[in-house]
Amino acid sequence: MAGTTETADTADTAGAAVELRAIGPEEAADLHAGGTGGIPWVADGPYEGTRDAAGMLAKAAAAGLYRPEWGMWAVVRRSDGAAVGGIGFHGVPQGGRVEIGYDLAPSARGNGHATEAVRLVTALALASAEAVAVVEAAVESGNTPSQRVLERVGYRYVGRDGEGLLRYEHRA
């Protein structure tokens, strides 16, 4: 997906600075095992959360539960085609709600990439045919930059969960 040409297939996953490249079960298994998933990454990527999420995707696929529209994507910088992070869903929607998670390699932080990726994946969720009304995210209390990312995209803080994570919601 390197390059800057937007096609009908990428229109809903491409922003000005980043685009989302789908990660399938085979790529996910390789990422989880320490590989690149066949994706060109920045030198300090992929980050731990992306590898963990890839393991969950590979496990879901092995159990026959993988649905690509509720999977994960590499956050790819359009300027050079390098993946700078990962973003995806923590499963399929339930009761009109779905949760997202994301991370970026340290070298890619502070450039608006997470904000754009969260905006793109939130729009995908809310435009789905599965009547998603609320997109959720959980953030560690000390991760102020991630809290600001969610707030810039329109998420609202709704409280803490049982693990002490800050919970945010974006409503349709």
N, C-alpha and C. Protein backbone atom coordinates (compact mmCIF):
# COMPACT_ATOMS: atom_id res chain seq x y z
N MET A 1 0.81 -1.19 0.00
CA MET A 1 0.00 0.00 0.00
C MET A 1 0.85 1.26 0.00
N ALA A 2 2.12 1.12 -0.27
CA ALA A 2 2.96 2.30 -0.32
C ALA A 2 2.51 3.20 -1.46
N GLY A 3 2.78 4.45 -1.34
CA GLY A 3 2.38 5.40 -2.36
C GLY A 3 1.27 6.28 -1.85
N THR A 4 0.78 7.14 -2.73
CA THR A 4 -0.24 8.08 -2.28
C THR A 4 -1.49 8.05 -3.13
N THR A 5 -1.64 7.09 -4.02
CA THR A 5 -2.82 7.01 -4.85
C THR A 5 -3.94 6.33 -4.09
N GLU A 6 -5.07 7.02 -4.00
CA GLU A 6 -6.22 6.46 -3.28
C GLU A 6 -7.11 5.75 -4.27
N THR A 7 -7.50 4.53 -3.99
CA THR A 7 -8.39 3.76 -4.84
C THR A 7 -9.68 3.52 -4.09
N ALA A 8 -10.65 2.92 -4.78
CA ALA A 8 -11.91 2.59 -4.12
C ALA A 8 -11.68 1.66 -2.94
N ASP A 9 -10.67 0.79 -3.03
CA ASP A 9 -10.39 -0.15 -1.96
C ASP A 9 -9.73 0.50 -0.75
N THR A 10 -9.03 1.62 -0.96
CA THR A 10 -8.32 2.25 0.15
C THR A 10 -8.96 3.54 0.60
N ALA A 11 -10.03 3.99 -0.06
CA ALA A 11 -10.62 5.28 0.26
C ALA A 11 -11.02 5.40 1.72
N ASP A 12 -11.51 4.31 2.32
CA ASP A 12 -11.95 4.38 3.71
C ASP A 12 -10.84 4.06 4.70
N THR A 13 -9.67 3.72 4.21
CA THR A 13 -8.55 3.41 5.11
C THR A 13 -7.33 4.27 4.82
N ALA A 14 -7.51 5.35 4.07
CA ALA A 14 -6.39 6.22 3.74
C ALA A 14 -6.67 7.64 4.20
N GLY A 15 -5.72 8.19 4.93
CA GLY A 15 -5.80 9.58 5.35
C GLY A 15 -4.75 10.38 4.62
N ALA A 16 -4.53 11.60 5.05
CA ALA A 16 -3.55 12.47 4.41
C ALA A 16 -2.12 11.98 4.63
N ALA A 17 -1.82 11.53 5.86
CA ALA A 17 -0.45 11.15 6.19
C ALA A 17 -0.24 9.66 6.38
N VAL A 18 -1.30 8.92 6.73
CA VAL A 18 -1.18 7.48 6.93
C VAL A 18 -2.31 6.75 6.22
N GLU A 19 -2.05 5.48 5.98
CA GLU A 19 -3.10 4.59 5.50
C GLU A 19 -3.02 3.31 6.30
N LEU A 20 -4.12 2.61 6.35
CA LEU A 20 -4.20 1.37 7.11
C LEU A 20 -4.04 0.20 6.16
N ARG A 21 -3.06 -0.67 6.45
CA ARG A 21 -2.81 -1.86 5.64
C ARG A 21 -3.27 -3.07 6.46
N ALA A 22 -4.24 -3.80 5.92
CA ALA A 22 -4.80 -4.96 6.63
C ALA A 22 -3.71 -5.98 6.94
N ILE A 23 -3.79 -6.53 8.14
CA ILE A 23 -2.90 -7.60 8.57
C ILE A 23 -3.76 -8.85 8.70
N GLY A 24 -3.47 -9.84 7.88
CA GLY A 24 -4.22 -11.09 7.91
C GLY A 24 -3.60 -12.09 8.87
N PRO A 25 -4.21 -13.26 8.98
CA PRO A 25 -3.73 -14.27 9.92
C PRO A 25 -2.27 -14.69 9.73
N GLU A 26 -1.81 -14.86 8.49
CA GLU A 26 -0.43 -15.28 8.26
C GLU A 26 0.56 -14.20 8.68
N GLU A 27 0.26 -12.95 8.30
CA GLU A 27 1.12 -11.84 8.72
C GLU A 27 1.12 -11.69 10.23
N ALA A 28 -0.07 -11.87 10.82
CA ALA A 28 -0.20 -11.74 12.27
C ALA A 28 0.63 -12.80 12.99
N ALA A 29 0.59 -14.03 12.51
CA ALA A 29 1.37 -15.09 13.14
C ALA A 29 2.86 -14.78 13.08
N ASP A 30 3.31 -14.25 11.93
CA ASP A 30 4.72 -13.90 11.79
C ASP A 30 5.09 -12.74 12.72
N LEU A 31 4.24 -11.73 12.80
CA LEU A 31 4.50 -10.60 13.70
C LEU A 31 4.59 -11.08 15.14
N HIS A 32 3.66 -11.91 15.52
CA HIS A 32 3.65 -12.40 16.90
C HIS A 32 4.91 -13.21 17.23
N ALA A 33 5.42 -13.91 16.22
CA ALA A 33 6.63 -14.73 16.41
C ALA A 33 7.91 -13.90 16.34
N GLY A 34 7.79 -12.57 16.15
CA GLY A 34 8.97 -11.72 16.13
C GLY A 34 9.39 -11.26 14.75
N GLY A 35 8.65 -11.65 13.71
CA GLY A 35 8.97 -11.24 12.35
C GLY A 35 8.36 -9.90 12.00
N THR A 36 8.37 -9.60 10.70
CA THR A 36 7.84 -8.32 10.23
C THR A 36 6.44 -8.44 9.65
N GLY A 37 5.97 -9.67 9.45
CA GLY A 37 4.68 -9.87 8.80
C GLY A 37 4.72 -9.49 7.33
N GLY A 38 5.94 -9.40 6.76
CA GLY A 38 6.08 -9.01 5.36
C GLY A 38 5.84 -7.52 5.15
N ILE A 39 5.89 -6.75 6.22
CA ILE A 39 5.61 -5.32 6.17
C ILE A 39 6.90 -4.56 6.46
N PRO A 40 7.22 -3.53 5.67
CA PRO A 40 8.40 -2.72 5.99
C PRO A 40 8.11 -1.77 7.15
N TRP A 41 8.79 -1.96 8.27
CA TRP A 41 8.57 -1.18 9.49
C TRP A 41 9.68 -0.16 9.70
N VAL A 42 9.37 0.88 10.46
CA VAL A 42 10.42 1.79 10.92
C VAL A 42 11.36 0.98 11.80
N ALA A 43 12.56 1.48 12.03
CA ALA A 43 13.59 0.71 12.74
C ALA A 43 13.17 0.25 14.13
N ASP A 44 12.35 1.02 14.84
CA ASP A 44 11.95 0.64 16.20
C ASP A 44 10.54 0.05 16.25
N GLY A 45 10.06 -0.46 15.14
CA GLY A 45 8.75 -1.10 15.10
C GLY A 45 8.88 -2.53 14.63
N PRO A 46 7.86 -3.32 14.73
CA PRO A 46 6.60 -3.02 15.40
C PRO A 46 6.75 -3.01 16.92
N TYR A 47 5.86 -2.29 17.56
CA TYR A 47 5.91 -2.14 19.00
C TYR A 47 5.18 -3.30 19.68
N GLU A 48 5.39 -3.45 20.96
CA GLU A 48 4.88 -4.59 21.74
C GLU A 48 3.37 -4.83 21.59
N GLY A 49 2.58 -3.76 21.65
CA GLY A 49 1.13 -3.92 21.54
C GLY A 49 0.70 -4.49 20.21
N THR A 50 1.40 -4.10 19.15
CA THR A 50 1.09 -4.65 17.82
C THR A 50 1.40 -6.14 17.79
N ARG A 51 2.51 -6.55 18.35
CA ARG A 51 2.85 -7.98 18.38
C ARG A 51 1.84 -8.77 19.22
N ASP A 52 1.43 -8.21 20.36
CA ASP A 52 0.43 -8.89 21.20
C ASP A 52 -0.90 -9.03 20.48
N ALA A 53 -1.35 -7.95 19.83
CA ALA A 53 -2.61 -7.98 19.10
C ALA A 53 -2.54 -8.97 17.94
N ALA A 54 -1.38 -9.04 17.29
CA ALA A 54 -1.20 -9.99 16.20
C ALA A 54 -1.36 -11.42 16.71
N GLY A 55 -0.86 -11.69 17.90
CA GLY A 55 -1.03 -13.02 18.49
C GLY A 55 -2.50 -13.34 18.73
N MET A 56 -3.26 -12.34 19.20
CA MET A 56 -4.70 -12.56 19.43
C MET A 56 -5.43 -12.80 18.11
N LEU A 57 -5.03 -12.07 17.06
CA LEU A 57 -5.66 -12.27 15.75
C LEU A 57 -5.35 -13.67 15.23
N ALA A 58 -4.09 -14.09 15.34
CA ALA A 58 -3.71 -15.43 14.86
C ALA A 58 -4.47 -16.51 15.62
N LYS A 59 -4.65 -16.31 16.91
CA LYS A 59 -5.38 -17.28 17.73
C LYS A 59 -6.86 -17.32 17.32
N ALA A 60 -7.45 -16.16 17.06
CA ALA A 60 -8.85 -16.12 16.61
C ALA A 60 -9.00 -16.82 15.27
N ALA A 61 -8.04 -16.60 14.37
CA ALA A 61 -8.10 -17.26 13.06
C ALA A 61 -8.01 -18.77 13.20
N ALA A 62 -7.12 -19.24 14.07
CA ALA A 62 -6.97 -20.69 14.28
C ALA A 62 -8.25 -21.31 14.85
N ALA A 63 -9.01 -20.52 15.60
CA ALA A 63 -10.26 -21.00 16.19
C ALA A 63 -11.46 -20.80 15.26
N GLY A 64 -11.20 -20.24 14.06
CA GLY A 64 -12.28 -20.01 13.11
C GLY A 64 -13.13 -18.78 13.43
N LEU A 65 -12.60 -17.87 14.23
CA LEU A 65 -13.37 -16.70 14.66
C LEU A 65 -12.92 -15.40 14.00
N TYR A 66 -11.92 -15.44 13.14
CA TYR A 66 -11.37 -14.24 12.52
C TYR A 66 -12.34 -13.66 11.50
N ARG A 67 -12.60 -12.37 11.63
CA ARG A 67 -13.38 -11.61 10.65
C ARG A 67 -12.55 -10.39 10.27
N PRO A 68 -12.07 -10.32 9.04
CA PRO A 68 -11.13 -9.27 8.65
C PRO A 68 -11.63 -7.85 8.90
N GLU A 69 -12.92 -7.61 8.77
CA GLU A 69 -13.43 -6.26 8.99
C GLU A 69 -13.32 -5.83 10.45
N TRP A 70 -13.09 -6.79 11.36
CA TRP A 70 -12.92 -6.49 12.78
C TRP A 70 -11.53 -6.94 13.25
N GLY A 71 -10.57 -6.89 12.33
CA GLY A 71 -9.21 -7.33 12.61
C GLY A 71 -8.28 -6.19 12.97
N MET A 72 -7.11 -6.20 12.34
CA MET A 72 -6.10 -5.18 12.65
C MET A 72 -5.40 -4.73 11.38
N TRP A 73 -4.76 -3.58 11.50
CA TRP A 73 -4.07 -2.95 10.39
C TRP A 73 -2.73 -2.41 10.85
N ALA A 74 -1.79 -2.38 9.91
CA ALA A 74 -0.55 -1.63 10.14
C ALA A 74 -0.85 -0.18 9.79
N VAL A 75 -0.34 0.73 10.58
CA VAL A 75 -0.45 2.16 10.30
C VAL A 75 0.77 2.51 9.46
N VAL A 76 0.54 2.79 8.18
CA VAL A 76 1.62 2.98 7.22
C VAL A 76 1.73 4.46 6.86
N ARG A 77 2.93 4.99 7.02
CA ARG A 77 3.20 6.39 6.67
C ARG A 77 3.20 6.50 5.15
N ARG A 78 2.36 7.36 4.62
CA ARG A 78 2.22 7.47 3.17
C ARG A 78 3.46 8.06 2.51
N SER A 79 4.21 8.86 3.22
CA SER A 79 5.38 9.52 2.61
C SER A 79 6.46 8.55 2.18
N ASP A 80 6.61 7.44 2.91
CA ASP A 80 7.69 6.49 2.58
C ASP A 80 7.27 5.02 2.60
N GLY A 81 6.02 4.74 2.93
CA GLY A 81 5.55 3.35 2.93
C GLY A 81 5.96 2.54 4.14
N ALA A 82 6.55 3.18 5.15
CA ALA A 82 6.99 2.45 6.34
C ALA A 82 5.85 2.36 7.35
N ALA A 83 5.69 1.17 7.92
CA ALA A 83 4.70 0.99 8.97
C ALA A 83 5.24 1.60 10.25
N VAL A 84 4.41 2.38 10.93
CA VAL A 84 4.83 3.07 12.15
C VAL A 84 4.09 2.58 13.38
N GLY A 85 3.08 1.74 13.18
CA GLY A 85 2.30 1.24 14.31
C GLY A 85 1.23 0.27 13.88
N GLY A 86 0.38 -0.09 14.84
CA GLY A 86 -0.72 -1.00 14.58
C GLY A 86 -1.98 -0.47 15.24
N ILE A 87 -3.12 -0.84 14.67
CA ILE A 87 -4.42 -0.45 15.20
C ILE A 87 -5.42 -1.52 14.84
N GLY A 88 -6.40 -1.71 15.68
CA GLY A 88 -7.42 -2.69 15.34
C GLY A 88 -8.48 -2.79 16.41
N PHE A 89 -9.34 -3.77 16.22
CA PHE A 89 -10.47 -4.01 17.12
C PHE A 89 -10.15 -5.14 18.08
N HIS A 90 -10.71 -5.06 19.26
CA HIS A 90 -10.55 -6.12 20.27
C HIS A 90 -11.69 -7.12 20.14
N GLY A 91 -12.03 -7.49 18.92
CA GLY A 91 -13.10 -8.45 18.66
C GLY A 91 -14.22 -7.82 17.88
N VAL A 92 -15.26 -8.61 17.67
CA VAL A 92 -16.42 -8.15 16.91
C VAL A 92 -17.33 -7.31 17.81
N PRO A 93 -18.18 -6.48 17.20
CA PRO A 93 -19.10 -5.69 18.02
C PRO A 93 -20.06 -6.58 18.81
N GLN A 94 -20.38 -6.11 19.99
CA GLN A 94 -21.38 -6.78 20.83
C GLN A 94 -22.29 -5.72 21.42
N GLY A 95 -23.58 -5.88 21.24
CA GLY A 95 -24.53 -4.93 21.79
C GLY A 95 -24.34 -3.52 21.26
N GLY A 96 -23.90 -3.38 20.01
CA GLY A 96 -23.70 -2.07 19.41
C GLY A 96 -22.41 -1.38 19.82
N ARG A 97 -21.50 -2.11 20.48
CA ARG A 97 -20.25 -1.54 20.97
C ARG A 97 -19.08 -2.36 20.45
N VAL A 98 -17.96 -1.67 20.21
CA VAL A 98 -16.72 -2.34 19.81
C VAL A 98 -15.56 -1.54 20.40
N GLU A 99 -14.48 -2.24 20.75
CA GLU A 99 -13.32 -1.58 21.35
C GLU A 99 -12.15 -1.59 20.39
N ILE A 100 -11.39 -0.48 20.40
CA ILE A 100 -10.19 -0.39 19.58
C ILE A 100 -8.95 -0.35 20.48
N GLY A 101 -7.82 -0.67 19.88
CA GLY A 101 -6.53 -0.53 20.53
C GLY A 101 -5.52 -0.13 19.47
N TYR A 102 -4.45 0.55 19.89
CA TYR A 102 -3.45 1.01 18.93
C TYR A 102 -2.14 1.28 19.66
N ASP A 103 -1.06 1.30 18.89
CA ASP A 103 0.22 1.75 19.39
C ASP A 103 1.08 2.22 18.23
N LEU A 104 2.09 3.00 18.55
CA LEU A 104 3.04 3.49 17.56
C LEU A 104 4.45 3.23 18.05
N ALA A 105 5.35 3.04 17.10
CA ALA A 105 6.76 2.96 17.44
C ALA A 105 7.17 4.31 18.02
N PRO A 106 8.05 4.31 19.01
CA PRO A 106 8.45 5.58 19.64
C PRO A 106 8.91 6.66 18.64
N SER A 107 9.61 6.27 17.59
CA SER A 107 10.11 7.26 16.62
C SER A 107 9.00 7.94 15.83
N ALA A 108 7.80 7.37 15.83
CA ALA A 108 6.70 7.90 15.04
C ALA A 108 5.72 8.74 15.86
N ARG A 109 5.94 8.81 17.14
CA ARG A 109 5.01 9.53 18.01
C ARG A 109 5.15 11.04 17.87
N GLY A 110 4.02 11.72 18.11
CA GLY A 110 4.03 13.17 18.08
C GLY A 110 3.89 13.79 16.70
N ASN A 111 3.52 12.98 15.72
CA ASN A 111 3.38 13.47 14.34
C ASN A 111 1.94 13.43 13.83
N GLY A 112 0.99 13.11 14.69
CA GLY A 112 -0.41 13.05 14.26
C GLY A 112 -0.82 11.73 13.65
N HIS A 113 0.10 10.78 13.57
CA HIS A 113 -0.23 9.49 12.93
C HIS A 113 -1.27 8.71 13.72
N ALA A 114 -1.15 8.68 15.04
CA ALA A 114 -2.13 7.96 15.84
C ALA A 114 -3.50 8.61 15.73
N THR A 115 -3.54 9.93 15.76
CA THR A 115 -4.82 10.64 15.64
C THR A 115 -5.50 10.28 14.33
N GLU A 116 -4.76 10.31 13.25
CA GLU A 116 -5.35 9.99 11.95
C GLU A 116 -5.79 8.53 11.88
N ALA A 117 -4.98 7.63 12.40
CA ALA A 117 -5.34 6.20 12.38
C ALA A 117 -6.58 5.93 13.23
N VAL A 118 -6.66 6.54 14.40
CA VAL A 118 -7.85 6.36 15.25
C VAL A 118 -9.08 6.92 14.56
N ARG A 119 -8.93 8.06 13.91
CA ARG A 119 -10.06 8.65 13.17
C ARG A 119 -10.53 7.68 12.08
N LEU A 120 -9.60 7.10 11.35
CA LEU A 120 -9.95 6.18 10.26
C LEU A 120 -10.65 4.92 10.77
N VAL A 121 -10.10 4.29 11.79
CA VAL A 121 -10.69 3.04 12.28
C VAL A 121 -12.03 3.30 12.99
N THR A 122 -12.17 4.44 13.63
CA THR A 122 -13.44 4.80 14.26
C THR A 122 -14.50 4.98 13.18
N ALA A 123 -14.15 5.65 12.10
CA ALA A 123 -15.09 5.83 10.99
C ALA A 123 -15.49 4.49 10.38
N LEU A 124 -14.53 3.57 10.25
CA LEU A 124 -14.86 2.23 9.74
C LEU A 124 -15.90 1.55 10.63
N ALA A 125 -15.69 1.62 11.93
CA ALA A 125 -16.61 0.98 12.87
C ALA A 125 -18.00 1.58 12.78
N LEU A 126 -18.07 2.89 12.77
CA LEU A 126 -19.38 3.56 12.78
C LEU A 126 -20.11 3.42 11.45
N ALA A 127 -19.38 3.18 10.36
CA ALA A 127 -20.00 3.00 9.05
C ALA A 127 -20.33 1.54 8.74
N SER A 128 -20.02 0.65 9.66
CA SER A 128 -20.23 -0.78 9.40
C SER A 128 -21.72 -1.10 9.33
N ALA A 129 -22.01 -2.23 8.75
CA ALA A 129 -23.39 -2.69 8.65
C ALA A 129 -23.86 -3.34 9.95
N GLU A 130 -23.04 -3.35 10.98
CA GLU A 130 -23.37 -4.05 12.22
C GLU A 130 -23.92 -3.13 13.30
N ALA A 131 -24.36 -1.95 12.91
CA ALA A 131 -25.02 -1.02 13.82
C ALA A 131 -24.20 -0.71 15.07
N VAL A 132 -22.92 -0.38 14.84
CA VAL A 132 -22.08 0.05 15.95
C VAL A 132 -22.48 1.47 16.32
N ALA A 133 -22.84 1.65 17.58
CA ALA A 133 -23.24 2.96 18.08
C ALA A 133 -22.16 3.59 18.95
N VAL A 134 -21.28 2.73 19.53
CA VAL A 134 -20.25 3.22 20.44
C VAL A 134 -18.94 2.51 20.15
N VAL A 135 -17.88 3.30 19.97
CA VAL A 135 -16.53 2.77 19.84
C VAL A 135 -15.81 3.13 21.14
N GLU A 136 -15.20 2.13 21.76
CA GLU A 136 -14.56 2.30 23.06
C GLU A 136 -13.04 2.17 22.94
N ALA A 137 -12.35 2.76 23.90
CA ALA A 137 -10.90 2.61 24.01
C ALA A 137 -10.52 2.71 25.49
N ALA A 138 -9.47 2.00 25.87
CA ALA A 138 -8.94 2.05 27.24
C ALA A 138 -7.50 2.53 27.17
N VAL A 139 -7.13 3.40 28.12
CA VAL A 139 -5.81 4.01 28.12
C VAL A 139 -5.25 3.98 29.54
N GLU A 140 -3.96 3.71 29.66
CA GLU A 140 -3.33 3.78 30.97
C GLU A 140 -3.35 5.23 31.46
N SER A 141 -3.53 5.41 32.77
CA SER A 141 -3.69 6.76 33.32
C SER A 141 -2.48 7.65 33.06
N GLY A 142 -1.30 7.08 32.94
CA GLY A 142 -0.11 7.89 32.70
C GLY A 142 0.16 8.20 31.24
N ASN A 143 -0.66 7.68 30.34
CA ASN A 143 -0.43 7.87 28.91
C ASN A 143 -1.22 9.08 28.40
N THR A 144 -0.78 10.26 28.82
CA THR A 144 -1.46 11.50 28.43
C THR A 144 -1.51 11.70 26.92
N PRO A 145 -0.44 11.42 26.16
CA PRO A 145 -0.54 11.62 24.70
C PRO A 145 -1.67 10.79 24.07
N SER A 146 -1.85 9.55 24.51
CA SER A 146 -2.91 8.73 23.96
C SER A 146 -4.29 9.25 24.37
N GLN A 147 -4.40 9.77 25.57
CA GLN A 147 -5.66 10.37 26.00
C GLN A 147 -6.00 11.55 25.09
N ARG A 148 -5.00 12.35 24.74
CA ARG A 148 -5.23 13.51 23.87
C ARG A 148 -5.60 13.07 22.46
N VAL A 149 -5.01 11.98 21.98
CA VAL A 149 -5.37 11.43 20.66
C VAL A 149 -6.87 11.16 20.63
N LEU A 150 -7.35 10.43 21.62
CA LEU A 150 -8.76 10.08 21.66
C LEU A 150 -9.65 11.32 21.74
N GLU A 151 -9.26 12.26 22.56
CA GLU A 151 -10.05 13.49 22.70
C GLU A 151 -10.10 14.28 21.40
N ARG A 152 -8.97 14.35 20.66
CA ARG A 152 -8.95 15.06 19.38
C ARG A 152 -9.90 14.43 18.36
N VAL A 153 -10.09 13.11 18.46
CA VAL A 153 -10.96 12.40 17.51
C VAL A 153 -12.43 12.45 17.95
N GLY A 154 -12.69 12.95 19.16
CA GLY A 154 -14.07 13.08 19.61
C GLY A 154 -14.50 12.08 20.66
N TYR A 155 -13.56 11.32 21.20
CA TYR A 155 -13.87 10.39 22.29
C TYR A 155 -14.03 11.19 23.57
N ARG A 156 -14.88 10.69 24.45
CA ARG A 156 -15.11 11.33 25.74
C ARG A 156 -14.74 10.36 26.86
N TYR A 157 -14.09 10.89 27.87
CA TYR A 157 -13.75 10.11 29.05
C TYR A 157 -15.04 9.73 29.78
N VAL A 158 -15.16 8.42 30.15
CA VAL A 158 -16.38 7.97 30.83
C VAL A 158 -16.10 7.31 32.18
N GLY A 159 -14.84 7.20 32.58
CA GLY A 159 -14.51 6.64 33.88
C GLY A 159 -13.39 5.62 33.81
N ARG A 160 -13.15 4.98 34.95
CA ARG A 160 -12.12 3.95 35.04
C ARG A 160 -12.77 2.57 35.07
N ASP A 161 -12.03 1.59 34.54
CA ASP A 161 -12.52 0.22 34.62
C ASP A 161 -11.92 -0.47 35.85
N GLY A 162 -12.22 -1.73 36.03
CA GLY A 162 -11.77 -2.48 37.19
C GLY A 162 -10.26 -2.65 37.27
N GLU A 163 -9.56 -2.44 36.16
CA GLU A 163 -8.10 -2.55 36.14
C GLU A 163 -7.43 -1.19 36.30
N GLY A 164 -8.22 -0.15 36.50
CA GLY A 164 -7.67 1.19 36.66
C GLY A 164 -7.40 1.93 35.36
N LEU A 165 -7.77 1.32 34.22
CA LEU A 165 -7.57 1.99 32.93
C LEU A 165 -8.64 3.06 32.74
N LEU A 166 -8.27 4.12 32.05
CA LEU A 166 -9.22 5.18 31.72
C LEU A 166 -10.03 4.73 30.52
N ARG A 167 -11.33 4.84 30.61
CA ARG A 167 -12.23 4.40 29.53
C ARG A 167 -12.74 5.61 28.76
N TYR A 168 -12.71 5.48 27.45
CA TYR A 168 -13.20 6.53 26.56
C TYR A 168 -14.22 5.93 25.60
N GLU A 169 -15.17 6.76 25.16
CA GLU A 169 -16.19 6.32 24.20
C GLU A 169 -16.36 7.38 23.12
N HIS A 170 -16.63 6.90 21.91
CA HIS A 170 -17.03 7.76 20.79
C HIS A 170 -18.39 7.25 20.35
N ARG A 171 -19.39 8.11 20.40
CA ARG A 171 -20.75 7.71 20.03
C ARG A 171 -21.09 8.19 18.63
N ALA A 172 -21.87 7.38 17.94
CA ALA A 172 -22.31 7.72 16.57
C ALA A 172 -23.17 8.96 16.57
